Amino acid sequence: MRVGMLSYPMLFQREGGLQVQVRATMRALQERSAPGLEVALVDANRERLDQFDLIHVFSAINGNHRLVELAVELGVPVVLSSVLSPGWGRLDGMRARLADRLTGRLTGWNVQTSYAQTKCALQLAHMVIALGAAERDAIVSAFQIAEAKIRVLPNGISPHFFGARQEEFRRCTGLCGPFVLMVGAISPYKNQLGLVRALASTALPVVLIGRAQRQHQNYLQQLLAQPRVRWLGQLEHDDPLLASAYASASVLALPSQGEVFPLSVLEALAAGTPVVMTDESALSLPDSAFAVKQLPWDDTAGLRLAVEGLLAHPPDRAQVRALVERFSWQRVAEQMVACYTELYHRTRREQEARRAV
């Protein structure tokens, strides 16, 4: 079975959680060496989709509905990792469908909304993968996709985060005391400024790791103008300094307006560091309240209290790590192969049944 992975053309021109997910999934699948399985990134300039037995599309947005449409037209089964915000609800879906109908009527049906394109990708895909139960529920309620079509398959964590040590970060930065860490793109959506303002009355340094795009340079300058803010820029996912930063932090904060299944949270927990994060997320860890505090992204007072509470009563790091020890890319690969195999054989049976008619 030859599986081709692809997403929108500009995916690898920047770094983020989706890029890590695609690379790590592919690497784990290749290392698993399942008999008869070949996994590769599709070179859309040189390869046709029907040269593959199955296509795995990552992300239901950014025009990827066209990839799903083409694969289906060519008779190639499609697995779609939707990577959608769990903030979508039934009412949001109703409003989006109304907006789509109005847009269509006003433009003679020449313009589609992004909701319509996303729904098209979800409807046409033969199997949809959600990163958590909240994302699955959002797909069902807002996009009206049958639950039977969806498989829940969370991301994994690279092993080096579990063994991360503090020495590298402390040596490189000179920070020896407690601090709050935030890892992610510098932007108003991620809400770094909200974190800094929430902690303004404390003496806690805030360390930021992430890239600021050109349109967010003014936002970055606002952050750097605040006292006790340190910005380390973008660090590669496999940079030892990133893992060491997680291990050194007293708390990881992620008060963004929405997250699907944030790798930075999983990686911080793997390093033994507790987390305060947005409640607009697909992440749900049983019995994790001692180390994971979830609250509305704009609850400034709640954010400060949650951080101070974890500083006053830090959880045992070994117990924090235990929350995510089951999240390995090897396990992801095993479950992914099961999904591919199920869809591949189902498609073959359907094709044989049609030929027999």
Protein backbone atom coordinates (compact mmCIF):
# COMPACT_ATOMS: atom_id res chain seq x y z
CA MET A 1 0.00 0.00 0.00
CA ARG A 2 1.52 3.31 -1.12
CA VAL A 3 0.33 6.27 1.00
CA GLY A 4 0.89 9.87 -0.07
CA MET A 5 0.83 12.71 2.48
CA LEU A 6 0.19 16.31 1.51
CA SER A 7 -1.27 19.63 2.61
CA TYR A 8 -1.39 23.17 1.28
CA PRO A 9 1.65 24.23 -0.83
CA MET A 10 3.16 26.73 1.64
CA LEU A 11 3.00 24.38 4.65
CA PHE A 12 6.73 23.94 5.15
CA GLN A 13 7.62 27.59 4.57
CA ARG A 14 7.15 28.18 8.30
CA GLU A 15 7.25 26.10 11.48
CA GLY A 16 4.44 25.19 13.85
CA GLY A 17 2.43 22.36 15.32
CA LEU A 18 1.01 21.14 12.00
CA GLN A 19 4.46 20.92 10.43
CA VAL A 20 5.71 18.92 13.40
CA GLN A 21 2.64 16.67 13.20
CA VAL A 22 3.17 15.89 9.51
CA ARG A 23 6.91 15.22 9.83
CA ALA A 24 6.62 13.18 13.03
CA THR A 25 3.72 11.09 11.71
CA MET A 26 5.57 10.30 8.50
CA ARG A 27 8.83 9.47 10.33
CA ALA A 28 7.03 7.17 12.79
CA LEU A 29 5.24 5.39 9.94
CA GLN A 30 8.48 4.93 8.03
CA GLU A 31 10.29 3.62 11.11
CA ARG A 32 7.50 1.17 11.86
CA SER A 33 8.31 -0.78 8.66
CA ALA A 34 4.86 -2.34 8.30
CA PRO A 35 4.96 -5.02 5.58
CA GLY A 36 3.92 -3.60 2.22
CA LEU A 37 3.50 -0.04 3.52
CA GLU A 38 5.27 2.85 1.77
CA VAL A 39 4.71 6.40 3.03
CA ALA A 40 5.97 9.55 1.31
CA LEU A 41 5.25 13.24 0.90
CA VAL A 42 3.52 13.86 -2.42
CA ASP A 43 5.47 16.00 -4.88
CA ALA A 44 2.46 17.62 -6.54
CA ASN A 45 4.64 19.02 -9.34
CA ARG A 46 5.85 15.59 -10.44
CA GLU A 47 3.43 12.98 -9.09
CA ARG A 48 -0.25 12.35 -9.72
CA LEU A 49 -2.49 11.46 -6.82
CA ASP A 50 -3.63 8.28 -8.56
CA GLN A 51 -0.05 6.98 -8.35
CA PHE A 52 -0.87 6.31 -4.70
CA ASP A 53 -3.20 3.75 -3.14
CA LEU A 54 -4.35 6.21 -0.49
CA ILE A 55 -3.95 9.93 0.17
CA HIS A 56 -3.64 11.48 3.64
CA VAL A 57 -4.46 15.20 3.64
CA PHE A 58 -3.49 17.26 6.68
CA SER A 59 -5.84 20.17 7.53
CA ALA A 60 -9.33 20.78 6.21
CA ILE A 61 -8.67 24.49 5.57
CA ASN A 62 -6.38 26.60 3.36
CA GLY A 63 -7.94 25.33 0.13
CA ASN A 64 -7.26 21.69 0.88
CA HIS A 65 -10.81 20.80 -0.17
CA ARG A 66 -9.46 20.90 -3.75
CA LEU A 67 -6.97 18.15 -2.90
CA VAL A 68 -9.74 15.99 -1.48
CA GLU A 69 -11.99 16.70 -4.48
CA LEU A 70 -9.29 15.69 -6.96
CA ALA A 71 -8.37 12.50 -5.12
CA VAL A 72 -12.02 11.44 -4.95
CA GLU A 73 -12.46 12.24 -8.65
CA LEU A 74 -9.47 10.01 -9.43
CA GLY A 75 -10.86 7.20 -7.29
CA VAL A 76 -8.20 7.41 -4.58
CA PRO A 77 -9.43 6.95 -0.97
CA VAL A 78 -8.74 9.92 1.31
CA VAL A 79 -7.91 10.16 5.00
CA LEU A 80 -8.30 13.75 6.24
CA SER A 81 -6.72 14.99 9.48
CA SER A 82 -9.09 17.90 10.01
CA VAL A 83 -7.07 19.95 12.58
CA LEU A 84 -10.13 22.09 13.36
CA SER A 85 -10.75 24.27 16.39
CA PRO A 86 -12.98 22.54 18.95
CA GLY A 87 -14.59 25.94 19.53
CA TRP A 88 -17.01 25.20 16.70
CA GLY A 89 -20.50 24.43 18.01
CA ARG A 90 -23.95 23.73 16.59
CA LEU A 91 -24.95 27.41 16.68
CA ASP A 92 -21.69 28.42 14.99
CA GLY A 93 -22.43 25.93 12.23
CA MET A 94 -25.95 27.30 11.74
CA ARG A 95 -24.63 30.85 11.45
CA ALA A 96 -21.89 29.78 9.04
CA ARG A 97 -24.35 27.97 6.78
CA LEU A 98 -26.61 31.03 6.76
CA ALA A 99 -23.65 33.25 5.88
CA ASP A 100 -22.66 30.85 3.11
CA ARG A 101 -26.15 30.91 1.58
CA LEU A 102 -26.25 34.72 1.72
CA THR A 103 -22.79 34.94 0.14
CA GLY A 104 -23.84 32.58 -2.62
CA ARG A 105 -27.01 34.50 -3.44
CA LEU A 106 -25.26 37.85 -3.41
CA THR A 107 -22.51 36.63 -5.78
CA GLY A 108 -24.51 34.38 -8.07
CA TRP A 109 -22.94 31.35 -6.32
CA ASN A 110 -19.50 32.36 -7.58
CA VAL A 111 -18.04 32.79 -4.09
CA GLN A 112 -17.77 30.19 -1.32
CA THR A 113 -17.08 30.82 2.33
CA SER A 114 -14.23 29.04 4.07
CA TYR A 115 -16.87 27.15 6.09
CA ALA A 116 -18.34 25.69 2.90
CA GLN A 117 -14.89 24.67 1.67
CA THR A 118 -14.04 23.02 4.98
CA LYS A 119 -17.35 21.19 5.05
CA CYS A 120 -16.75 20.02 1.48
CA ALA A 121 -13.40 18.49 2.47
CA LEU A 122 -14.96 16.76 5.49
CA GLN A 123 -17.89 15.41 3.47
CA LEU A 124 -15.81 14.06 0.59
CA ALA A 125 -13.05 12.46 2.69
CA HIS A 126 -13.60 8.75 3.26
CA MET A 127 -12.23 8.90 6.81
CA VAL A 128 -11.68 11.90 9.10
CA ILE A 129 -9.16 11.94 11.94
CA ALA A 130 -9.76 14.21 14.95
CA LEU A 131 -7.12 14.88 17.57
CA GLY A 132 -9.55 14.59 20.47
CA ALA A 133 -13.16 14.10 21.51
CA ALA A 134 -13.84 17.86 21.52
CA GLU A 135 -12.68 18.21 17.92
CA ARG A 136 -14.78 15.18 16.92
CA ASP A 137 -17.85 16.72 18.56
CA ALA A 138 -17.21 20.03 16.77
CA ILE A 139 -17.02 18.26 13.41
CA VAL A 140 -20.32 16.46 14.07
CA SER A 141 -22.27 19.41 15.49
CA ALA A 142 -20.99 22.31 13.37
CA PHE A 143 -20.22 20.58 10.08
CA GLN A 144 -22.91 17.85 10.20
CA ILE A 145 -20.50 14.97 9.56
CA ALA A 146 -21.51 11.44 10.63
CA GLU A 147 -19.65 10.36 13.76
CA ALA A 148 -19.08 6.89 12.29
CA LYS A 149 -16.74 8.46 9.76
CA ILE A 150 -14.43 9.94 12.40
CA ARG A 151 -11.54 8.32 14.24
CA VAL A 152 -9.97 9.99 17.31
CA LEU A 153 -6.21 9.81 17.16
CA PRO A 154 -4.13 12.24 19.29
CA ASN A 155 -0.65 13.49 18.48
CA GLY A 156 2.48 12.00 19.95
CA ILE A 157 5.44 13.44 21.87
CA SER A 158 9.07 13.12 20.84
CA PRO A 159 11.05 11.07 23.40
CA HIS A 160 13.68 13.73 24.09
CA PHE A 161 11.16 15.93 25.91
CA PHE A 162 10.69 13.26 28.60
CA GLY A 163 14.40 13.33 29.42
CA ALA A 164 14.85 17.12 29.19
CA ARG A 165 17.19 18.75 31.72
CA GLN A 166 17.46 22.33 32.97
CA GLU A 167 21.21 22.90 32.60
CA GLU A 168 21.28 23.98 28.94
CA PHE A 169 18.61 26.66 29.35
CA ARG A 170 19.97 28.00 32.63
CA ARG A 171 23.49 28.24 31.16
CA CYS A 172 22.38 29.98 27.95
CA THR A 173 19.97 32.49 29.50
CA GLY A 174 21.31 33.11 32.99
CA LEU A 175 17.78 32.73 34.41
CA CYS A 176 18.12 30.85 37.68
CA GLY A 177 14.79 31.46 39.41
CA PRO A 178 11.17 30.66 38.63
CA PHE A 179 9.65 31.93 35.38
CA VAL A 180 6.62 31.39 33.14
CA LEU A 181 7.19 30.06 29.64
CA MET A 182 5.03 30.49 26.55
CA VAL A 183 5.84 28.70 23.29
CA GLY A 184 4.01 29.62 20.09
CA ALA A 185 3.78 32.11 17.25
CA ILE A 186 3.86 35.70 18.49
CA SER A 187 0.41 37.09 17.68
CA PRO A 188 -2.71 38.62 19.27
CA TYR A 189 -4.50 35.30 18.69
CA LYS A 190 -1.97 33.51 20.89
CA ASN A 191 -2.40 36.31 23.45
CA GLN A 192 1.11 36.71 24.82
CA LEU A 193 0.27 40.27 25.83
CA GLY A 194 -2.66 39.02 27.88
CA LEU A 195 -0.30 36.72 29.76
CA VAL A 196 2.24 39.48 30.41
CA ARG A 197 -0.45 41.86 31.66
CA ALA A 198 -1.97 39.17 33.87
CA LEU A 199 1.39 38.69 35.58
CA ALA A 200 2.32 42.40 35.72
CA SER A 201 1.68 42.61 39.47
CA THR A 202 4.03 39.70 40.14
CA ALA A 203 7.81 39.57 39.91
CA LEU A 204 7.74 36.62 37.53
CA PRO A 205 9.81 36.79 34.35
CA VAL A 206 7.96 35.69 31.20
CA VAL A 207 10.01 33.87 28.56
CA LEU A 208 8.58 33.78 25.03
CA ILE A 209 9.65 31.37 22.30
CA GLY A 210 8.20 31.74 18.83
CA ARG A 211 8.33 33.61 15.56
CA ALA A 212 6.62 36.93 14.90
CA GLN A 213 5.43 37.42 11.33
CA ARG A 214 5.84 40.80 9.69
CA GLN A 215 2.27 41.90 10.45
CA HIS A 216 2.84 41.16 14.15
CA GLN A 217 6.12 43.04 14.60
CA ASN A 218 4.37 45.92 16.39
CA TYR A 219 2.77 43.39 18.73
CA LEU A 220 6.20 41.94 19.44
CA GLN A 221 7.57 45.40 20.24
CA GLN A 222 4.72 45.95 22.71
CA LEU A 223 5.74 42.73 24.42
CA LEU A 224 9.42 43.62 24.54
CA ALA A 225 8.58 47.01 26.05
CA GLN A 226 7.15 45.24 29.10
CA PRO A 227 9.43 44.63 32.10
CA ARG A 228 10.61 41.07 32.78
CA VAL A 229 9.85 39.80 29.26
CA ARG A 230 12.51 37.71 27.50
CA TRP A 231 12.08 36.67 23.85
CA LEU A 232 14.28 33.88 22.50
CA GLY A 233 12.92 33.90 18.95
CA GLN A 234 12.05 30.75 17.04
CA LEU A 235 13.66 27.48 18.18
CA GLU A 236 13.59 24.34 16.04
CA HIS A 237 11.52 21.49 17.39
CA ASP A 238 14.57 19.28 17.93
CA ASP A 239 16.73 22.05 19.44
CA PRO A 240 17.93 20.87 22.90
CA LEU A 241 17.39 24.42 24.18
CA LEU A 242 13.64 24.11 23.58
CA ALA A 243 13.36 20.90 25.60
CA SER A 244 15.53 22.43 28.32
CA ALA A 245 13.28 25.53 28.42
CA TYR A 246 10.27 23.30 29.09
CA ALA A 247 12.12 21.51 31.89
CA SER A 248 13.31 24.77 33.46
CA ALA A 249 9.99 26.62 33.47
CA SER A 250 7.87 26.77 36.60
CA VAL A 251 4.70 26.92 34.49
CA LEU A 252 3.90 26.80 30.78
CA ALA A 253 1.12 29.24 29.87
CA LEU A 254 -0.98 29.07 26.71
CA PRO A 255 -3.90 31.54 27.03
CA SER A 256 -4.63 31.64 23.29
CA GLN A 257 -8.07 32.17 21.80
CA GLY A 258 -8.16 28.54 20.66
CA GLU A 259 -6.01 25.43 20.27
CA VAL A 260 -6.71 22.09 18.64
CA PHE A 261 -4.32 19.69 20.37
CA PRO A 262 -1.35 21.87 21.40
CA LEU A 263 2.00 20.11 21.15
CA SER A 264 3.64 22.70 23.39
CA VAL A 265 1.36 21.61 26.24
CA LEU A 266 2.13 17.92 25.72
CA GLU A 267 5.86 18.64 25.50
CA ALA A 268 5.86 20.75 28.67
CA LEU A 269 4.02 18.01 30.56
CA ALA A 270 6.50 15.44 29.23
CA ALA A 271 9.26 17.60 30.74
CA GLY A 272 7.40 17.62 34.07
CA THR A 273 6.15 21.20 33.88
CA PRO A 274 2.52 22.09 34.81
CA VAL A 275 0.35 24.10 32.44
CA VAL A 276 -2.22 26.90 32.47
CA MET A 277 -4.06 27.04 29.16
CA THR A 278 -7.17 28.06 27.26
CA ASP A 279 -10.29 25.96 27.66
CA GLU A 280 -10.93 26.26 23.90
CA SER A 281 -9.00 23.09 23.12
CA ALA A 282 -9.47 19.46 22.12
CA LEU A 283 -6.99 18.39 24.81
CA SER A 284 -8.53 16.38 27.63
CA LEU A 285 -6.39 14.43 30.07
CA PRO A 286 -8.10 12.33 32.76
CA ASP A 287 -7.18 13.19 36.38
CA SER A 288 -4.95 16.07 35.29
CA ALA A 289 -6.47 18.95 37.30
CA PHE A 290 -3.47 18.98 39.64
CA ALA A 291 -1.16 19.95 36.77
CA VAL A 292 -3.35 21.32 33.95
CA LYS A 293 -5.54 24.38 34.58
CA GLN A 294 -7.93 25.30 31.75
CA LEU A 295 -9.79 28.61 31.75
CA PRO A 296 -11.25 31.17 29.32
CA TRP A 297 -8.50 32.83 27.29
CA ASP A 298 -9.49 36.35 28.39
CA ASP A 299 -9.81 35.57 32.12
CA THR A 300 -6.89 37.73 33.23
CA ALA A 301 -7.49 37.37 36.97
CA GLY A 302 -8.03 33.62 36.68
CA LEU A 303 -4.81 33.26 34.70
CA ARG A 304 -2.76 35.02 37.37
CA LEU A 305 -4.36 33.01 40.19
CA ALA A 306 -3.82 29.72 38.37
CA VAL A 307 -0.13 30.49 37.76
CA GLU A 308 0.40 31.62 41.34
CA GLY A 309 -1.38 28.50 42.63
CA LEU A 310 0.94 26.18 40.69
CA LEU A 311 3.97 28.15 41.89
CA ALA A 312 2.83 27.94 45.50
CA HIS A 313 2.08 24.22 45.27
CA PRO A 314 4.12 22.75 42.41
CA PRO A 315 3.05 19.23 41.44
CA ASP A 316 5.53 16.37 41.48
CA ARG A 317 7.29 16.35 38.11
CA ALA A 318 7.22 12.58 37.80
CA GLN A 319 3.44 12.61 38.25
CA VAL A 320 3.14 15.35 35.64
CA ARG A 321 5.16 13.30 33.13
CA ALA A 322 2.97 10.27 33.83
CA LEU A 323 -0.05 12.15 32.46
CA VAL A 324 1.34 11.96 28.92
CA GLU A 325 3.63 8.93 28.92
CA ARG A 326 1.21 7.06 26.64
CA PHE A 327 1.53 9.72 23.91
CA SER A 328 4.21 8.34 21.61
CA TRP A 329 4.58 8.76 17.86
CA GLN A 330 5.09 5.00 17.64
CA ARG A 331 1.60 4.46 19.05
CA VAL A 332 0.26 7.07 16.61
CA ALA A 333 1.89 5.13 13.77
CA GLU A 334 0.25 1.86 14.87
CA GLN A 335 -3.19 3.44 15.00
CA MET A 336 -2.63 5.25 11.72
CA VAL A 337 -1.68 2.02 9.95
CA ALA A 338 -4.88 0.47 11.28
CA CYS A 339 -6.88 3.38 9.80
CA TYR A 340 -5.12 3.10 6.44
CA THR A 341 -5.61 -0.67 6.33
CA GLU A 342 -9.30 -0.41 7.22
CA LEU A 343 -9.98 2.20 4.52
CA TYR A 344 -7.84 0.50 1.88
CA HIS A 345 -9.57 -2.87 2.23
CA ARG A 346 -13.00 -1.28 2.48
CA THR A 347 -12.35 0.59 -0.77
CA ARG A 348 -11.14 -2.56 -2.50
CA ARG A 349 -14.27 -4.46 -1.43
CA GLU A 350 -16.52 -1.66 -2.70
CA GLN A 351 -14.69 -1.52 -6.03
CA GLU A 352 -14.98 -5.31 -6.46
CA ALA A 353 -18.70 -5.17 -5.60
CA ARG A 354 -19.28 -2.49 -8.26
CA ARG A 355 -17.41 -4.50 -10.89
CA ALA A 356 -19.49 -7.58 -10.05
CA VAL A 357 -22.78 -5.76 -10.74
